[in-house]
Amino acid sequence: MQHELITSSPDVMDGKPVVRGTRVPVELILRKLGAGLSAETIIADHPRLTLDDIHAAQAFAADYLADEDVVYG
């Protein structure tokens, strides 16, 4: 699936997926959400982010995991 708001380049954050036009990695957003921070708090910490960016990071991660192979046992 194409994610317009998420980009990856070897020259930016060692190729980690980031929010387009920023150096904010998807991983950082997910870790902050997982730690219980609200989207509003994350945006306050990173004013270049929008609520759409937060949602795009979540959608990117969900799509990434959906394509993972599961190995049992």
Protein backbone atom coordinates (compact mmCIF):
# COMPACT_ATOMS: atom_id res chain seq x y z
CA MET A 1 0.00 0.00 0.00
CA GLN A 2 1.25 3.50 -0.85
CA HIS A 3 1.66 5.92 2.05
CA GLU A 4 1.98 9.48 0.78
CA LEU A 5 2.88 10.96 4.16
CA ILE A 6 5.57 8.39 4.98
CA THR A 7 8.91 8.34 3.16
CA SER A 8 12.19 6.51 3.42
CA SER A 9 15.60 7.58 2.14
CA PRO A 10 19.05 6.25 2.99
CA ASP A 11 20.16 9.84 3.57
CA VAL A 12 17.52 10.53 6.24
CA MET A 13 17.61 8.74 9.60
CA ASP A 14 19.56 5.83 8.06
CA GLY A 15 16.61 4.93 5.83
CA LYS A 16 14.04 4.52 8.57
CA PRO A 17 10.49 5.47 7.55
CA VAL A 18 9.79 9.07 8.56
CA VAL A 19 6.94 11.53 8.21
CA ARG A 20 7.40 13.33 4.89
CA GLY A 21 9.20 16.66 5.22
CA THR A 22 10.49 15.85 8.71
CA ARG A 23 13.10 13.71 10.39
CA VAL A 24 10.49 12.23 12.76
CA PRO A 25 10.59 8.42 12.47
CA VAL A 26 7.42 6.37 12.41
CA GLU A 27 8.98 4.30 15.19
CA LEU A 28 9.20 7.33 17.50
CA ILE A 29 5.54 8.16 16.98
CA LEU A 30 4.50 4.57 17.67
CA ARG A 31 6.66 4.35 20.79
CA LYS A 32 5.17 7.55 22.15
CA LEU A 33 1.63 6.34 21.45
CA GLY A 34 2.51 3.01 23.06
CA ALA A 35 3.78 4.82 26.14
CA GLY A 36 0.36 6.42 26.51
CA LEU A 37 1.02 9.86 25.06
CA SER A 38 -1.87 11.39 23.19
CA ALA A 39 -1.61 12.51 19.57
CA GLU A 40 -2.01 16.08 20.81
CA THR A 41 0.97 15.72 23.15
CA ILE A 42 3.10 14.27 20.35
CA ILE A 43 2.13 17.16 18.09
CA ALA A 44 3.00 19.62 20.85
CA ASP A 45 6.44 17.98 21.13
CA HIS A 46 6.88 17.96 17.32
CA PRO A 47 4.98 21.00 15.98
CA ARG A 48 5.60 20.10 12.32
CA LEU A 49 3.45 16.99 12.75
CA THR A 50 -0.29 16.92 12.17
CA LEU A 51 -2.98 14.51 13.28
CA ASP A 52 -2.96 13.12 9.72
CA ASP A 53 0.76 12.39 10.14
CA ILE A 54 0.09 10.44 13.34
CA HIS A 55 -2.65 8.44 11.62
CA ALA A 56 -0.39 7.82 8.61
CA ALA A 57 2.32 6.43 10.90
CA GLN A 58 -0.18 4.04 12.47
CA ALA A 59 -1.53 2.94 9.07
CA PHE A 60 2.01 2.42 7.76
CA ALA A 61 2.87 0.19 10.72
CA ALA A 62 -0.35 -1.81 10.39
CA ASP A 63 0.25 -2.38 6.68
CA TYR A 64 3.88 -3.34 7.33
CA LEU A 65 2.84 -5.91 9.93
CA ALA A 66 0.06 -7.25 7.72
CA ASP A 67 2.69 -8.28 5.16
CA GLU A 68 4.89 -10.08 7.70
CA ASP A 69 5.13 -13.85 7.58
CA VAL A 70 4.16 -15.56 10.82
CA VAL A 71 6.28 -18.52 11.90
CA TYR A 72 4.86 -20.77 14.57
CA GLY A 73 6.82 -22.86 16.88
